[in-house]
């Protein structure tokens, strides 16, 4: 099983009108279902309405720009930084990182809590919503802690944390959501 991390407008992701290619052999990545522009607009409107009472001031992001990045991780590799954040919580405060569960959307807005809301595109499920800036900050602190440990077995977790931080930073600076899906 793998985890895909996209930096792209939610409407692009919801429409399913994109193609990802992974690795040197150019294998096609996971493909989202195709939705009509009307359905995408309706779902995105419901998502924003769900966020409005939770994120003040209102979270705004770019829904018109291009897809910026797509990265794939093994489930085990992706989970390693979160596991470390949870395991080290007694000495290192990483509140957002320790609370993340896929599927996730990191919004380029400043807010502190991580919360779960109903996913308007799949009402029987939930999505975790977090601030990409806050997730980036947690990942940076985790990277620094891993480096201070100087343990070779943590090198892969540091690399994954760095790649995730780069996605969070890209999303934050381009005002584009980061979408994490299994």
C-alpha atoms as a PDB file:
ATOM      1  CA  UNK A   1       0.000   0.000   0.000  1.00  0.00           C
ATOM      2  CA  UNK A   2       1.205   3.524  -0.707  1.00  0.00           C
ATOM      3  CA  UNK A   3       0.440   7.099   0.307  1.00  0.00           C
ATOM      4  CA  UNK A   4       0.188   9.838  -2.337  1.00  0.00           C
ATOM      5  CA  UNK A   5       0.935  13.446  -1.392  1.00  0.00           C
ATOM      6  CA  UNK A   6      -0.334  16.046  -3.863  1.00  0.00           C
ATOM      7  CA  UNK A   7       0.180  19.794  -3.813  1.00  0.00           C
ATOM      8  CA  UNK A   8      -2.693  20.928  -6.029  1.00  0.00           C
ATOM      9  CA  UNK A   9      -6.035  22.692  -5.958  1.00  0.00           C
ATOM     10  CA  UNK A  10      -8.716  20.584  -4.320  1.00  0.00           C
ATOM     11  CA  UNK A  11     -10.900  21.078  -7.401  1.00  0.00           C
ATOM     12  CA  UNK A  12      -8.204  19.513  -9.608  1.00  0.00           C
ATOM     13  CA  UNK A  13      -7.960  16.553  -7.257  1.00  0.00           C
ATOM     14  CA  UNK A  14     -11.746  16.202  -6.988  1.00  0.00           C
ATOM     15  CA  UNK A  15     -12.219  16.371 -10.765  1.00  0.00           C
ATOM     16  CA  UNK A  16      -9.773  13.492 -11.265  1.00  0.00           C
ATOM     17  CA  UNK A  17      -8.530  15.150 -14.434  1.00  0.00           C
ATOM     18  CA  UNK A  18      -4.848  14.631 -13.787  1.00  0.00           C
ATOM     19  CA  UNK A  19      -2.421  11.809 -14.329  1.00  0.00           C
ATOM     20  CA  UNK A  20       0.521  10.977 -12.122  1.00  0.00           C
ATOM     21  CA  UNK A  21       3.527   8.974 -13.185  1.00  0.00           C
ATOM     22  CA  UNK A  22       5.799   7.344 -10.609  1.00  0.00           C
ATOM     23  CA  UNK A  23       9.311   6.008 -10.887  1.00  0.00           C
ATOM     24  CA  UNK A  24      11.686   5.442 -13.754  1.00  0.00           C
ATOM     25  CA  UNK A  25       9.380   3.062 -15.626  1.00  0.00           C
ATOM     26  CA  UNK A  26       6.626   5.686 -15.800  1.00  0.00           C
ATOM     27  CA  UNK A  27       3.937   3.567 -14.167  1.00  0.00           C
ATOM     28  CA  UNK A  28       0.662   5.413 -13.744  1.00  0.00           C
ATOM     29  CA  UNK A  29      -0.207   6.392 -10.196  1.00  0.00           C
ATOM     30  CA  UNK A  30      -3.548   6.192  -8.447  1.00  0.00           C
ATOM     31  CA  UNK A  31      -6.338   7.861 -10.394  1.00  0.00           C
ATOM     32  CA  UNK A  32      -9.192   9.696  -8.740  1.00  0.00           C
ATOM     33  CA  UNK A  33     -12.733   9.306 -10.053  1.00  0.00           C
ATOM     34  CA  UNK A  34     -13.784  11.820 -12.697  1.00  0.00           C
ATOM     35  CA  UNK A  35     -16.429  14.295 -11.543  1.00  0.00           C
ATOM     36  CA  UNK A  36     -18.279  16.957 -13.497  1.00  0.00           C
ATOM     37  CA  UNK A  37     -17.358  20.637 -12.935  1.00  0.00           C
ATOM     38  CA  UNK A  38     -20.779  21.160 -11.314  1.00  0.00           C
ATOM     39  CA  UNK A  39     -20.262  18.290  -8.889  1.00  0.00           C
ATOM     40  CA  UNK A  40     -16.746  19.526  -8.044  1.00  0.00           C
ATOM     41  CA  UNK A  41     -18.121  23.026  -7.373  1.00  0.00           C
ATOM     42  CA  UNK A  42     -20.887  21.634  -5.131  1.00  0.00           C
ATOM     43  CA  UNK A  43     -18.476  19.411  -3.160  1.00  0.00           C
ATOM     44  CA  UNK A  44     -15.917  22.197  -2.744  1.00  0.00           C
ATOM     45  CA  UNK A  45     -18.654  24.566  -1.530  1.00  0.00           C
ATOM     46  CA  UNK A  46     -19.760  21.995   1.096  1.00  0.00           C
ATOM     47  CA  UNK A  47     -16.139  21.496   2.179  1.00  0.00           C
ATOM     48  CA  UNK A  48     -15.659  25.265   2.644  1.00  0.00           C
ATOM     49  CA  UNK A  49     -18.947  25.469   4.584  1.00  0.00           C
ATOM     50  CA  UNK A  50     -17.723  22.687   6.893  1.00  0.00           C
ATOM     51  CA  UNK A  51     -14.502  24.607   7.532  1.00  0.00           C
ATOM     52  CA  UNK A  52     -16.014  28.049   8.127  1.00  0.00           C
ATOM     53  CA  UNK A  53     -17.094  27.502  11.758  1.00  0.00           C
ATOM     54  CA  UNK A  54     -13.756  25.810  12.567  1.00  0.00           C
ATOM     55  CA  UNK A  55     -11.144  28.058  10.942  1.00  0.00           C
ATOM     56  CA  UNK A  56     -11.293  31.779  11.747  1.00  0.00           C
ATOM     57  CA  UNK A  57     -10.457  33.851   9.823  1.00  0.00           C
ATOM     58  CA  UNK A  58     -11.806  31.952   6.836  1.00  0.00           C
ATOM     59  CA  UNK A  59      -9.262  29.673   5.179  1.00  0.00           C
ATOM     60  CA  UNK A  60      -8.525  30.826   1.629  1.00  0.00           C
ATOM     61  CA  UNK A  61      -6.406  29.005  -0.936  1.00  0.00           C
ATOM     62  CA  UNK A  62      -5.697  28.945  -4.667  1.00  0.00           C
ATOM     63  CA  UNK A  63      -8.212  26.865  -6.617  1.00  0.00           C
ATOM     64  CA  UNK A  64      -7.141  28.135 -10.052  1.00  0.00           C
ATOM     65  CA  UNK A  65      -3.420  27.391 -10.159  1.00  0.00           C
ATOM     66  CA  UNK A  66      -1.595  24.360 -11.486  1.00  0.00           C
ATOM     67  CA  UNK A  67      -0.767  21.127  -9.704  1.00  0.00           C
ATOM     68  CA  UNK A  68       2.598  21.761  -8.049  1.00  0.00           C
ATOM     69  CA  UNK A  69       3.828  18.376  -6.865  1.00  0.00           C
ATOM     70  CA  UNK A  70       2.988  14.700  -6.492  1.00  0.00           C
ATOM     71  CA  UNK A  71       5.021  12.346  -4.312  1.00  0.00           C
ATOM     72  CA  UNK A  72       4.411   8.754  -3.340  1.00  0.00           C
ATOM     73  CA  UNK A  73       5.565   7.057  -0.141  1.00  0.00           C
ATOM     74  CA  UNK A  74       5.278   3.535   1.142  1.00  0.00           C
ATOM     75  CA  UNK A  75       2.756   3.387   3.965  1.00  0.00           C
ATOM     76  CA  UNK A  76       5.502   2.292   6.347  1.00  0.00           C
ATOM     77  CA  UNK A  77       7.834   5.136   5.300  1.00  0.00           C
ATOM     78  CA  UNK A  78       5.070   7.741   5.506  1.00  0.00           C
ATOM     79  CA  UNK A  79       4.015   6.571   8.964  1.00  0.00           C
ATOM     80  CA  UNK A  80       7.522   6.649  10.454  1.00  0.00           C
ATOM     81  CA  UNK A  81       7.686  10.422  11.197  1.00  0.00           C
ATOM     82  CA  UNK A  82       4.212  10.308  12.775  1.00  0.00           C
ATOM     83  CA  UNK A  83       5.217   7.310  14.902  1.00  0.00           C
ATOM     84  CA  UNK A  84       8.354   9.125  16.073  1.00  0.00           C
ATOM     85  CA  UNK A  85       6.320  12.241  16.889  1.00  0.00           C
ATOM     86  CA  UNK A  86       3.956  10.155  19.003  1.00  0.00           C
ATOM     87  CA  UNK A  87       6.729   8.153  20.659  1.00  0.00           C
ATOM     88  CA  UNK A  88       8.770  11.260  21.525  1.00  0.00           C
ATOM     89  CA  UNK A  89       5.757  13.310  22.664  1.00  0.00           C
ATOM     90  CA  UNK A  90       6.963  13.245  26.286  1.00  0.00           C
ATOM     91  CA  UNK A  91      10.012  15.342  25.302  1.00  0.00           C
ATOM     92  CA  UNK A  92       9.122  16.955  21.981  1.00  0.00           C
ATOM     93  CA  UNK A  93       5.871  18.789  21.372  1.00  0.00           C
ATOM     94  CA  UNK A  94       4.627  18.030  17.843  1.00  0.00           C
ATOM     95  CA  UNK A  95       0.870  18.313  18.354  1.00  0.00           C
ATOM     96  CA  UNK A  96      -0.206  18.486  14.715  1.00  0.00           C
ATOM     97  CA  UNK A  97       2.097  15.796  13.425  1.00  0.00           C
ATOM     98  CA  UNK A  98       1.060  13.356  16.133  1.00  0.00           C
ATOM     99  CA  UNK A  99      -2.655  13.854  15.319  1.00  0.00           C
ATOM    100  CA  UNK A 100      -2.572  13.357  11.541  1.00  0.00           C
ATOM    101  CA  UNK A 101      -4.414  10.401  10.017  1.00  0.00           C
ATOM    102  CA  UNK A 102      -4.941   9.820   6.286  1.00  0.00           C
ATOM    103  CA  UNK A 103      -6.746  11.011   4.329  1.00  0.00           C
ATOM    104  CA  UNK A 104      -5.577  14.545   5.053  1.00  0.00           C
ATOM    105  CA  UNK A 105      -5.757  18.046   3.640  1.00  0.00           C
ATOM    106  CA  UNK A 106      -3.217  20.601   4.783  1.00  0.00           C
ATOM    107  CA  UNK A 107      -4.529  24.085   4.091  1.00  0.00           C
ATOM    108  CA  UNK A 108      -2.282  27.119   3.551  1.00  0.00           C
ATOM    109  CA  UNK A 109      -3.883  28.983   6.443  1.00  0.00           C
ATOM    110  CA  UNK A 110      -2.763  29.754   9.974  1.00  0.00           C
ATOM    111  CA  UNK A 111      -4.693  27.755  12.572  1.00  0.00           C
ATOM    112  CA  UNK A 112      -3.561  25.555  15.409  1.00  0.00           C
ATOM    113  CA  UNK A 113      -5.760  22.505  15.894  1.00  0.00           C
ATOM    114  CA  UNK A 114      -6.002  19.421  13.734  1.00  0.00           C
ATOM    115  CA  UNK A 115      -9.571  18.276  13.253  1.00  0.00           C
ATOM    116  CA  UNK A 116     -11.581  15.593  11.482  1.00  0.00           C
ATOM    117  CA  UNK A 117     -14.598  16.509   9.387  1.00  0.00           C
ATOM    118  CA  UNK A 118     -16.911  14.603   7.091  1.00  0.00           C
ATOM    119  CA  UNK A 119     -15.431  14.356   3.603  1.00  0.00           C
ATOM    120  CA  UNK A 120     -18.092  15.925   1.321  1.00  0.00           C
ATOM    121  CA  UNK A 121     -16.811  13.853  -1.605  1.00  0.00           C
ATOM    122  CA  UNK A 122     -17.326  10.648   0.389  1.00  0.00           C
ATOM    123  CA  UNK A 123     -19.905  11.301   3.137  1.00  0.00           C
ATOM    124  CA  UNK A 124     -19.382   7.994   4.917  1.00  0.00           C
ATOM    125  CA  UNK A 125     -15.766   8.937   5.652  1.00  0.00           C
ATOM    126  CA  UNK A 126     -13.770  11.685   7.336  1.00  0.00           C
ATOM    127  CA  UNK A 127     -10.734  13.743   6.379  1.00  0.00           C
ATOM    128  CA  UNK A 128      -8.130  15.240   8.709  1.00  0.00           C
ATOM    129  CA  UNK A 129      -7.601  18.978   8.184  1.00  0.00           C
ATOM    130  CA  UNK A 130      -4.476  20.796   9.361  1.00  0.00           C
ATOM    131  CA  UNK A 131      -2.525  23.972   8.653  1.00  0.00           C
ATOM    132  CA  UNK A 132       0.318  23.298   6.207  1.00  0.00           C
ATOM    133  CA  UNK A 133       2.419  25.931   8.015  1.00  0.00           C
ATOM    134  CA  UNK A 134       1.877  24.227  11.369  1.00  0.00           C
ATOM    135  CA  UNK A 135       2.610  20.764   9.904  1.00  0.00           C
ATOM    136  CA  UNK A 136       5.759  22.197   8.274  1.00  0.00           C
ATOM    137  CA  UNK A 137       6.903  23.576  11.639  1.00  0.00           C
ATOM    138  CA  UNK A 138       6.298  20.237  13.387  1.00  0.00           C
ATOM    139  CA  UNK A 139       8.210  18.395  10.660  1.00  0.00           C
ATOM    140  CA  UNK A 140      11.147  20.803  10.926  1.00  0.00           C
ATOM    141  CA  UNK A 141      11.340  20.266  14.703  1.00  0.00           C
ATOM    142  CA  UNK A 142      11.170  16.503  14.143  1.00  0.00           C
ATOM    143  CA  UNK A 143      13.990  16.626  11.572  1.00  0.00           C
ATOM    144  CA  UNK A 144      16.163  18.582  14.025  1.00  0.00           C
ATOM    145  CA  UNK A 145      15.432  16.069  16.794  1.00  0.00           C
ATOM    146  CA  UNK A 146      16.268  13.127  14.522  1.00  0.00           C
ATOM    147  CA  UNK A 147      19.588  14.732  13.512  1.00  0.00           C
ATOM    148  CA  UNK A 148      20.456  15.329  17.171  1.00  0.00           C
ATOM    149  CA  UNK A 149      19.943  11.598  17.850  1.00  0.00           C
ATOM    150  CA  UNK A 150      22.692  10.703  15.350  1.00  0.00           C
ATOM    151  CA  UNK A 151      21.253   7.199  14.850  1.00  0.00           C
ATOM    152  CA  UNK A 152      21.622   5.613  11.394  1.00  0.00           C
ATOM    153  CA  UNK A 153      18.334   3.707  11.724  1.00  0.00           C
ATOM    154  CA  UNK A 154      16.489   7.055  11.749  1.00  0.00           C
ATOM    155  CA  UNK A 155      17.947   8.315   8.450  1.00  0.00           C
ATOM    156  CA  UNK A 156      14.983   7.134   6.390  1.00  0.00           C
ATOM    157  CA  UNK A 157      12.499   8.762   8.770  1.00  0.00           C
ATOM    158  CA  UNK A 158      14.461  12.012   8.468  1.00  0.00           C
ATOM    159  CA  UNK A 159      14.344  11.832   4.651  1.00  0.00           C
ATOM    160  CA  UNK A 160      10.576  11.234   4.682  1.00  0.00           C
ATOM    161  CA  UNK A 161      10.060  14.063   7.173  1.00  0.00           C
ATOM    162  CA  UNK A 162      12.132  16.357   4.948  1.00  0.00           C
ATOM    163  CA  UNK A 163      10.151  15.465   1.815  1.00  0.00           C
ATOM    164  CA  UNK A 164       6.855  15.965   3.662  1.00  0.00           C
ATOM    165  CA  UNK A 165       8.087  19.302   5.025  1.00  0.00           C
ATOM    166  CA  UNK A 166       9.022  20.394   1.505  1.00  0.00           C
ATOM    167  CA  UNK A 167       5.488  19.548   0.319  1.00  0.00           C
ATOM    168  CA  UNK A 168       3.970  21.464   3.239  1.00  0.00           C
ATOM    169  CA  UNK A 169       6.238  24.433   2.552  1.00  0.00           C
ATOM    170  CA  UNK A 170       5.447  24.416  -1.179  1.00  0.00           C
ATOM    171  CA  UNK A 171       1.729  24.324  -0.425  1.00  0.00           C
ATOM    172  CA  UNK A 172       2.001  27.098   2.136  1.00  0.00           C
ATOM    173  CA  UNK A 173       4.049  29.418  -0.073  1.00  0.00           C
ATOM    174  CA  UNK A 174       1.969  28.865  -3.228  1.00  0.00           C
ATOM    175  CA  UNK A 175      -1.331  29.019  -1.268  1.00  0.00           C
ATOM    176  CA  UNK A 176      -2.172  25.524  -2.555  1.00  0.00           C
ATOM    177  CA  UNK A 177      -3.608  22.674  -0.447  1.00  0.00           C
ATOM    178  CA  UNK A 178      -1.617  19.525   0.247  1.00  0.00           C
ATOM    179  CA  UNK A 179      -3.745  16.413  -0.188  1.00  0.00           C
ATOM    180  CA  UNK A 180      -2.639  13.138   1.412  1.00  0.00           C
ATOM    181  CA  UNK A 181      -4.473   9.974   0.398  1.00  0.00           C
ATOM    182  CA  UNK A 182      -4.004   6.223   0.763  1.00  0.00           C
END
